[in-house]
Amino acid sequence: MVAPSAAATSLTSPLPPDSPLPPARLVSLDAYRGLVMFLMAAELMHLSAVASHFPGQAVWAWLGQQAEHVEWAGCHLHDLIQPSFSFMVGVALPFSLAGRLARGDSPARLWWHACWRGLMLVLLGVFLRSIDRPQTYWTFEDTLSQIGLGYPLLFALALARERTRWISLAAILLGYWALFAVWPSPGPDTDLTARNVPAQWAHSFGGFAAHWNLNTNPAWAFDRWFLNLFPRENPFVGSGGGYSTLSFIPTLGTMLLGLFAGQALCDSRHTGSTRSRWAVVGRLTLAGLAALVAGWALERLGVCPVVKKIWTPSWVLFSGGWCFLFMASFYAVADVLGWRRLFFPLVVIGMNSIAMYVLVHTTGDFWSRALTTHGVDRAFQALGDGLAPMWRGAVILLILWSILFWMWRRRLFIKI
């Protein structure tokens, strides 16, 4: 479907005629979405592999570290991609809902669209995970699938009262925590390698935190039953990364945090004053700091570790805190101060985030092979073997951005 992307209602006045950005947009949301998609696409630059060619150099070591996921507990910049994308779904929903209501859409039509969108996101995630496999790879850990599973529930909560949303968030976090906390840990004689846990896995917790270890938890148990209901090449015994279908439940918590932020941003447009917008920036910042501290404290107190791969409740709060801070920063600069031109390259990506997501997953290898076939790789090698993967990835990113820019010029926006 070709349509304007989410958040088509702006909190700011129209742009001047010579601005490269369209009017009636929440530019900060497009810019934030563009940054997240850029970080996702930057995997093509293989910065962690490049960094290994420069041992002892602190800058390269940091770049390489932040460009990949943590093994289990903790957080790198790369780990914030999925929660940011989920958070922004919640931010955009009040604007999307307001626009559809203004067009006169009936409740039945609104619900049909929400359920259809959720289903399409789930199936698109399955499709992308199945690329280069001999048969459909039924798994629901992909970012799109996780969002799709929770989207109809998020839509229902968007129609509910604020009190209901807060109760729902508390129920999600406490309920999911309790599910793991009461699940019995495996005995010392359990063969964890039969659950796809690496033999030399060095990231297992001890004590109470052991309830959140790799492939020893209720989310793993559910998938060992559920995923084997689908046709598979081999029986599912456990995800190598610990990812699970049930993570869509705490992911809904992340989307709910975004919904709170989006509602605050949407409400402030009715006043139109700069003072009210700065007040929203302050509220988002305070919410971000509070969530960060809460998530960190839960881990430090031994209540619940911060683990992105199984989306622990403490991860919902910790990563959600960062999302609030990112949203507040982009909103302050782009939509309050009005410095929108700074973000134009990111906005081009953000307005076609689904297109970027699909292009990276379907054409990245094609462009890499094409650059090798046509001799461009030799130029990269001339700049140094260690840096060649980074330059190759940078050129592919430029190609993909050019495709999105072409689509932007023609007002072609892919939306599910």
Protein backbone atom coordinates (compact mmCIF):
# COMPACT_ATOMS: atom_id res chain seq x y z
CA MET A 1 0.00 0.00 0.00
CA VAL A 2 1.27 3.47 -0.81
CA ALA A 3 0.34 6.12 1.73
CA PRO A 4 1.85 8.72 4.02
CA SER A 5 3.58 7.08 6.97
CA ALA A 6 2.35 7.32 10.55
CA ALA A 7 2.16 10.53 12.53
CA ALA A 8 0.81 12.61 9.68
CA THR A 9 -0.35 15.34 12.05
CA SER A 10 2.22 17.91 13.06
CA LEU A 11 2.64 19.71 16.34
CA THR A 12 4.32 22.58 14.57
CA SER A 13 3.48 25.25 12.06
CA PRO A 14 3.92 24.54 8.32
CA LEU A 15 7.41 24.67 6.94
CA PRO A 16 8.58 27.55 4.80
CA PRO A 17 8.06 27.06 1.04
CA ASP A 18 11.72 26.33 0.37
CA SER A 19 12.01 23.66 3.06
CA PRO A 20 12.97 20.17 1.83
CA LEU A 21 10.56 18.60 4.35
CA PRO A 22 6.81 18.35 3.82
CA PRO A 23 4.39 20.28 6.02
CA ALA A 24 2.11 18.69 8.59
CA ARG A 25 4.65 16.20 9.92
CA LEU A 26 5.94 15.35 13.36
CA VAL A 27 9.50 15.66 12.09
CA SER A 28 11.07 14.43 15.31
CA LEU A 29 9.33 11.06 14.98
CA ASP A 30 10.45 10.65 11.37
CA ALA A 31 14.01 11.63 12.33
CA TYR A 32 14.13 9.24 15.29
CA ARG A 33 12.73 6.45 13.13
CA GLY A 34 15.31 7.29 10.47
CA LEU A 35 18.16 7.07 12.99
CA VAL A 36 16.98 3.67 14.18
CA MET A 37 16.68 2.34 10.64
CA PHE A 38 20.12 3.73 9.81
CA LEU A 39 21.64 1.94 12.81
CA MET A 40 19.93 -1.26 11.70
CA ALA A 41 21.21 -0.85 8.13
CA ALA A 42 24.70 0.02 9.41
CA GLU A 43 25.15 -3.70 10.09
CA LEU A 44 26.18 -3.76 6.42
CA MET A 45 29.37 -1.91 7.41
CA HIS A 46 30.54 -4.77 9.68
CA LEU A 47 32.12 -2.38 12.16
CA SER A 48 32.82 -5.09 14.73
CA ALA A 49 34.86 -7.03 12.15
CA VAL A 50 36.63 -3.84 11.06
CA ALA A 51 37.47 -3.02 14.67
CA SER A 52 39.25 -6.37 15.04
CA HIS A 53 41.86 -5.12 12.54
CA PHE A 54 42.78 -2.27 14.88
CA PRO A 55 43.50 -3.87 18.25
CA GLY A 56 44.35 -1.54 21.07
CA GLN A 57 42.60 1.47 19.52
CA ALA A 58 39.91 2.63 21.94
CA VAL A 59 37.71 4.39 19.37
CA TRP A 60 37.52 1.39 17.08
CA ALA A 61 36.97 -0.94 20.04
CA TRP A 62 34.02 1.19 21.18
CA LEU A 63 32.52 1.43 17.68
CA GLY A 64 32.82 -2.31 17.18
CA GLN A 65 31.23 -2.99 20.55
CA GLN A 66 28.29 -0.66 20.04
CA ALA A 67 27.60 -2.10 16.57
CA GLU A 68 26.67 -5.53 17.91
CA HIS A 69 24.36 -7.01 20.53
CA VAL A 70 25.52 -7.91 24.01
CA GLU A 71 25.82 -11.65 24.55
CA TRP A 72 23.14 -11.69 27.23
CA ALA A 73 22.81 -9.10 30.03
CA GLY A 74 23.48 -5.40 29.54
CA CYS A 75 23.03 -2.97 26.69
CA HIS A 76 24.88 -1.63 23.66
CA LEU A 77 23.58 0.98 21.24
CA HIS A 78 22.68 -1.80 18.79
CA ASP A 79 20.38 -3.34 21.40
CA LEU A 80 18.24 -0.19 21.40
CA ILE A 81 17.15 -0.59 17.76
CA GLN A 82 14.27 -3.00 18.35
CA PRO A 83 12.86 -1.29 21.47
CA SER A 84 13.06 2.08 19.70
CA PHE A 85 11.13 0.77 16.72
CA SER A 86 8.52 -0.75 19.05
CA PHE A 87 8.33 2.43 21.14
CA MET A 88 7.72 4.56 18.05
CA VAL A 89 4.78 2.38 17.03
CA GLY A 90 3.16 3.53 20.26
CA VAL A 91 4.17 7.16 19.70
CA ALA A 92 2.62 7.21 16.23
CA LEU A 93 -0.67 5.54 17.16
CA PRO A 94 -2.48 8.55 18.70
CA PHE A 95 -1.72 10.61 15.58
CA SER A 96 -2.79 7.82 13.24
CA LEU A 97 -5.97 7.23 15.23
CA ALA A 98 -6.81 10.94 15.31
CA GLY A 99 -6.36 11.17 11.55
CA ARG A 100 -8.61 8.19 10.88
CA LEU A 101 -11.29 9.48 13.21
CA ALA A 102 -11.14 12.88 11.51
CA ARG A 103 -11.76 11.12 8.17
CA GLY A 104 -14.85 9.55 9.66
CA ASP A 105 -13.68 5.93 9.84
CA SER A 106 -16.14 3.73 11.73
CA PRO A 107 -15.07 1.68 14.77
CA ALA A 108 -15.42 -1.51 12.71
CA ARG A 109 -13.11 -0.13 10.03
CA LEU A 110 -10.58 0.99 12.64
CA TRP A 111 -10.54 -2.45 14.21
CA TRP A 112 -10.28 -4.17 10.83
CA HIS A 113 -7.26 -2.05 9.95
CA ALA A 114 -5.56 -2.71 13.29
CA CYS A 115 -5.99 -6.49 13.00
CA TRP A 116 -5.00 -6.50 9.32
CA ARG A 117 -1.89 -4.46 10.10
CA GLY A 118 -0.91 -6.80 12.91
CA LEU A 119 -1.32 -9.85 10.67
CA MET A 120 0.67 -8.30 7.82
CA LEU A 121 3.54 -7.40 10.15
CA VAL A 122 3.65 -10.95 11.52
CA LEU A 123 3.67 -12.50 8.05
CA LEU A 124 6.25 -10.04 6.72
CA GLY A 125 8.53 -10.96 9.62
CA VAL A 126 8.11 -14.66 8.84
CA PHE A 127 8.78 -13.99 5.15
CA LEU A 128 12.02 -12.14 5.83
CA ARG A 129 13.20 -14.83 8.25
CA SER A 130 12.53 -17.46 5.58
CA ILE A 131 14.84 -15.96 2.94
CA ASP A 132 17.40 -18.51 1.68
CA ARG A 133 15.70 -21.37 3.53
CA PRO A 134 14.25 -24.45 1.82
CA GLN A 135 10.81 -23.93 3.36
CA THR A 136 8.84 -21.38 5.35
CA TYR A 137 10.69 -20.72 8.61
CA TRP A 138 7.94 -20.32 11.17
CA THR A 139 9.36 -18.16 13.90
CA PHE A 140 7.94 -15.05 15.51
CA GLU A 141 10.99 -13.41 17.07
CA ASP A 142 11.49 -10.88 14.28
CA THR A 143 10.93 -7.22 15.20
CA LEU A 144 8.00 -6.92 12.79
CA SER A 145 6.36 -10.13 14.00
CA GLN A 146 6.70 -9.12 17.63
CA ILE A 147 5.07 -5.77 16.95
CA GLY A 148 2.36 -7.40 14.86
CA LEU A 149 1.41 -9.87 17.59
CA GLY A 150 0.88 -7.07 20.08
CA TYR A 151 -0.53 -4.38 17.80
CA PRO A 152 -4.27 -5.21 18.13
CA LEU A 153 -3.86 -5.15 21.92
CA LEU A 154 -2.04 -1.83 21.71
CA PHE A 155 -4.87 -0.47 19.57
CA ALA A 156 -7.42 -1.58 22.16
CA LEU A 157 -5.45 0.20 24.88
CA ALA A 158 -5.23 3.33 22.72
CA LEU A 159 -9.03 3.46 22.85
CA ALA A 160 -9.10 2.87 26.62
CA ARG A 161 -8.80 5.33 29.47
CA GLU A 162 -5.36 6.31 30.71
CA ARG A 163 -5.95 4.55 34.01
CA THR A 164 -6.59 1.30 32.14
CA ARG A 165 -3.32 1.73 30.25
CA TRP A 166 -1.31 2.15 33.45
CA ILE A 167 -2.96 -0.87 35.02
CA SER A 168 -2.24 -2.88 31.87
CA LEU A 169 1.43 -1.84 31.88
CA ALA A 170 1.78 -2.85 35.53
CA ALA A 171 0.05 -6.17 34.84
CA ILE A 172 2.34 -6.89 31.89
CA LEU A 173 5.53 -6.16 33.82
CA LEU A 174 4.53 -7.86 37.08
CA GLY A 175 2.82 -10.80 35.40
CA TYR A 176 5.71 -11.55 33.05
CA TRP A 177 8.19 -11.21 35.90
CA ALA A 178 6.15 -13.61 38.06
CA LEU A 179 5.88 -16.15 35.23
CA PHE A 180 9.66 -16.42 35.06
CA ALA A 181 10.18 -16.14 38.82
CA VAL A 182 8.01 -19.17 39.65
CA TRP A 183 9.26 -21.31 36.76
CA PRO A 184 11.52 -24.06 38.16
CA SER A 185 15.17 -23.86 37.19
CA PRO A 186 16.68 -27.01 35.64
CA GLY A 187 18.70 -29.34 37.83
CA PRO A 188 22.50 -29.49 37.76
CA ASP A 189 22.46 -32.65 35.64
CA THR A 190 20.36 -31.10 32.85
CA ASP A 191 21.99 -31.30 29.41
CA LEU A 192 21.62 -27.69 28.31
CA THR A 193 23.28 -28.34 24.96
CA ALA A 194 20.12 -30.30 24.05
CA ARG A 195 18.32 -26.95 24.44
CA ASN A 196 20.70 -25.22 22.01
CA VAL A 197 22.76 -23.63 24.79
CA PRO A 198 26.44 -23.42 23.75
CA ALA A 199 28.68 -25.83 25.64
CA GLN A 200 30.97 -23.02 26.79
CA TRP A 201 28.18 -20.54 27.57
CA ALA A 202 29.62 -18.20 30.20
CA HIS A 203 26.69 -15.86 30.75
CA SER A 204 24.42 -17.89 33.00
CA PHE A 205 23.19 -16.24 36.19
CA GLY A 206 23.33 -17.81 39.63
CA GLY A 207 20.86 -17.56 42.46
CA PHE A 208 17.43 -16.04 41.88
CA ALA A 209 18.51 -14.46 38.57
CA ALA A 210 18.96 -17.99 37.16
CA HIS A 211 15.24 -17.91 36.34
CA TRP A 212 16.21 -15.70 33.38
CA ASN A 213 18.94 -17.91 31.91
CA LEU A 214 19.19 -18.95 28.28
CA ASN A 215 16.62 -21.57 27.23
CA THR A 216 15.68 -22.58 30.77
CA ASN A 217 12.63 -20.35 31.14
CA PRO A 218 8.88 -20.53 30.37
CA ALA A 219 9.21 -18.58 27.12
CA TRP A 220 11.60 -21.27 25.85
CA ALA A 221 9.22 -24.01 27.02
CA PHE A 222 6.30 -22.40 25.21
CA ASP A 223 8.22 -22.20 21.93
CA ARG A 224 9.42 -25.79 22.23
CA TRP A 225 5.73 -26.74 22.13
CA PHE A 226 4.30 -23.99 19.91
CA LEU A 227 6.89 -23.75 17.13
CA ASN A 228 6.92 -27.52 16.65
CA LEU A 229 3.26 -27.31 15.65
CA PHE A 230 4.46 -25.81 12.35
CA PRO A 231 6.24 -27.65 9.51
CA ARG A 232 9.98 -27.44 10.18
CA GLU A 233 13.23 -28.67 8.68
CA ASN A 234 14.26 -29.89 12.13
CA PRO A 235 12.45 -29.99 15.47
CA PHE A 236 12.78 -26.76 17.42
CA VAL A 237 14.78 -27.29 20.62
CA GLY A 238 15.69 -23.70 21.46
CA SER A 239 16.75 -20.39 19.95
CA GLY A 240 20.49 -19.88 19.87
CA GLY A 241 19.96 -16.30 20.99
CA GLY A 242 17.20 -17.05 23.47
CA TYR A 243 14.60 -15.11 21.47
CA SER A 244 11.01 -16.22 21.95
CA THR A 245 7.48 -15.73 20.70
CA LEU A 246 6.18 -14.71 24.13
CA SER A 247 8.49 -11.69 24.13
CA PHE A 248 5.67 -9.91 22.32
CA ILE A 249 4.01 -9.53 25.75
CA PRO A 250 6.72 -7.33 27.33
CA THR A 251 7.25 -5.74 23.90
CA LEU A 252 3.65 -4.57 24.25
CA GLY A 253 4.86 -2.87 27.43
CA THR A 254 7.47 -1.01 25.40
CA MET A 255 4.82 0.03 22.88
CA LEU A 256 2.63 1.21 25.76
CA LEU A 257 5.44 3.48 26.97
CA GLY A 258 5.52 4.91 23.45
CA LEU A 259 1.75 5.35 23.55
CA PHE A 260 2.10 7.46 26.71
CA ALA A 261 4.71 9.61 24.99
CA GLY A 262 2.65 9.90 21.80
CA GLN A 263 -0.45 10.93 23.72
CA ALA A 264 1.48 13.69 25.49
CA LEU A 265 2.84 14.93 22.16
CA CYS A 266 -0.57 14.72 20.52
CA ASP A 267 -2.30 16.58 23.37
CA SER A 268 0.21 19.45 23.29
CA ARG A 269 -0.74 20.33 19.71
CA HIS A 270 -4.08 21.70 20.92
CA THR A 271 -2.37 24.58 22.76
CA GLY A 272 0.21 25.29 20.07
CA SER A 273 2.38 27.28 22.50
CA THR A 274 6.13 26.92 22.74
CA ARG A 275 5.85 26.78 26.50
CA SER A 276 3.59 23.72 26.37
CA ARG A 277 5.99 21.99 23.99
CA TRP A 278 8.93 22.58 26.29
CA ALA A 279 6.79 21.20 29.11
CA VAL A 280 6.33 18.01 27.09
CA VAL A 281 10.10 17.82 26.56
CA GLY A 282 10.53 18.05 30.31
CA ARG A 283 7.95 15.35 30.97
CA LEU A 284 9.51 12.98 28.45
CA THR A 285 12.96 13.60 29.91
CA LEU A 286 11.81 12.95 33.48
CA ALA A 287 9.98 9.81 32.35
CA GLY A 288 13.13 8.62 30.61
CA LEU A 289 15.36 9.17 33.63
CA ALA A 290 12.84 7.52 35.97
CA ALA A 291 12.50 4.46 33.71
CA LEU A 292 16.27 4.15 33.32
CA VAL A 293 16.83 4.25 37.06
CA ALA A 294 13.99 1.80 37.70
CA GLY A 295 15.32 -0.74 35.20
CA TRP A 296 18.87 -0.40 36.49
CA ALA A 297 17.73 -0.68 40.12
CA LEU A 298 15.75 -3.87 39.47
CA GLU A 299 18.92 -5.50 38.17
CA ARG A 300 21.20 -4.15 40.90
CA LEU A 301 18.79 -5.30 43.60
CA GLY A 302 18.70 -8.80 42.11
CA VAL A 303 15.00 -8.62 41.31
CA CYS A 304 15.24 -8.96 37.52
CA PRO A 305 18.26 -8.79 35.17
CA VAL A 306 18.33 -6.48 32.17
CA VAL A 307 18.27 -8.90 29.21
CA LYS A 308 17.11 -7.69 25.82
CA LYS A 309 16.98 -11.09 24.09
CA ILE A 310 14.19 -12.36 26.36
CA TRP A 311 12.79 -8.83 26.92
CA THR A 312 12.77 -8.91 30.70
CA PRO A 313 10.53 -6.38 32.52
CA SER A 314 13.64 -4.53 33.69
CA TRP A 315 14.69 -4.31 30.03
CA VAL A 316 11.29 -2.77 29.17
CA LEU A 317 11.99 0.00 31.68
CA PHE A 318 15.71 0.44 30.97
CA SER A 319 15.40 0.53 27.18
CA GLY A 320 12.16 2.51 27.43
CA GLY A 321 14.04 5.13 29.40
CA TRP A 322 16.49 5.56 26.54
CA CYS A 323 13.58 5.76 24.09
CA PHE A 324 11.96 8.57 26.08
CA LEU A 325 15.26 10.48 26.10
CA PHE A 326 15.80 10.02 22.36
CA MET A 327 12.24 11.13 21.64
CA ALA A 328 12.58 14.18 23.90
CA SER A 329 15.85 15.19 22.26
CA PHE A 330 14.58 14.89 18.70
CA TYR A 331 11.34 16.66 19.56
CA ALA A 332 13.15 19.55 21.27
CA VAL A 333 15.50 20.15 18.37
CA ALA A 334 13.25 19.41 15.39
CA ASP A 335 9.76 20.42 16.48
CA VAL A 336 10.31 22.95 19.26
CA LEU A 337 13.44 24.77 18.12
CA GLY A 338 12.47 24.12 14.49
CA TRP A 339 15.92 22.96 13.29
CA ARG A 340 14.40 20.48 10.90
CA ARG A 341 16.84 20.72 8.03
CA LEU A 342 19.49 19.06 10.20
CA PHE A 343 17.51 15.84 10.08
CA PHE A 344 16.57 15.70 6.41
CA PRO A 345 18.78 12.65 5.59
CA LEU A 346 17.23 10.76 8.51
CA VAL A 347 13.69 11.88 7.63
CA VAL A 348 14.05 10.41 4.13
CA ILE A 349 14.70 7.06 5.80
CA GLY A 350 12.14 7.51 8.56
CA MET A 351 9.27 8.28 6.21
CA ASN A 352 9.88 4.93 4.47
CA SER A 353 11.08 2.79 7.37
CA ILE A 354 9.33 -0.39 6.19
CA ALA A 355 10.89 0.01 2.74
CA MET A 356 14.34 0.43 4.32
CA TYR A 357 13.82 -2.60 6.54
CA VAL A 358 12.86 -4.79 3.60
CA LEU A 359 15.59 -3.43 1.30
CA VAL A 360 18.32 -4.19 3.82
CA HIS A 361 17.09 -7.74 4.37
CA THR A 362 16.48 -8.55 0.71
CA THR A 363 19.05 -6.61 -1.34
CA GLY A 364 22.08 -6.12 0.93
CA ASP A 365 23.87 -9.22 -0.34
CA PHE A 366 22.88 -8.43 -3.93
CA TRP A 367 24.54 -5.01 -3.82
CA SER A 368 27.62 -6.45 -2.13
CA ARG A 369 28.04 -9.02 -4.91
CA ALA A 370 27.39 -6.38 -7.57
CA LEU A 371 30.15 -4.15 -6.21
CA THR A 372 32.54 -7.09 -6.33
CA THR A 373 31.45 -8.13 -9.83
CA HIS A 374 32.01 -4.67 -11.27
CA GLY A 375 35.40 -4.14 -9.66
CA VAL A 376 34.41 -1.50 -7.14
CA ASP A 377 35.76 -3.74 -4.38
CA ARG A 378 39.28 -3.18 -5.69
CA ALA A 379 39.00 0.49 -4.79
CA PHE A 380 37.95 -0.47 -1.27
CA GLN A 381 40.93 -2.81 -0.98
CA ALA A 382 43.24 -0.01 -2.07
CA LEU A 383 42.10 1.97 0.98
CA GLY A 384 43.19 -0.87 3.24
CA ASP A 385 42.01 -4.44 3.76
CA GLY A 386 40.82 -3.71 7.28
CA LEU A 387 38.56 -0.85 6.20
CA ALA A 388 37.23 -2.47 3.02
CA PRO A 389 34.05 -3.92 4.61
CA MET A 390 33.18 -0.53 6.07
CA TRP A 391 33.55 1.30 2.75
CA ARG A 392 31.59 -1.39 0.93
CA GLY A 393 28.79 -1.12 3.47
CA ALA A 394 28.85 2.69 3.30
CA VAL A 395 28.39 2.60 -0.47
CA ILE A 396 25.49 0.14 -0.15
CA LEU A 397 23.90 2.43 2.43
CA LEU A 398 24.25 5.34 0.02
CA ILE A 399 22.58 3.28 -2.72
CA LEU A 400 19.68 2.37 -0.45
CA TRP A 401 19.31 5.97 0.72
CA SER A 402 19.23 7.10 -2.91
CA ILE A 403 16.38 4.68 -3.59
CA LEU A 404 14.45 6.10 -0.64
CA PHE A 405 15.22 9.65 -1.78
CA TRP A 406 13.83 8.78 -5.21
CA MET A 407 10.69 7.49 -3.51
CA TRP A 408 10.50 10.62 -1.33
CA ARG A 409 10.71 12.88 -4.38
CA ARG A 410 7.78 11.03 -5.92
CA ARG A 411 5.80 10.94 -2.66
CA LEU A 412 5.87 7.13 -2.54
CA PHE A 413 5.60 6.00 1.07
CA ILE A 414 5.18 2.33 1.95
CA LYS A 415 2.93 1.75 4.92
CA ILE A 416 1.32 -1.34 6.36
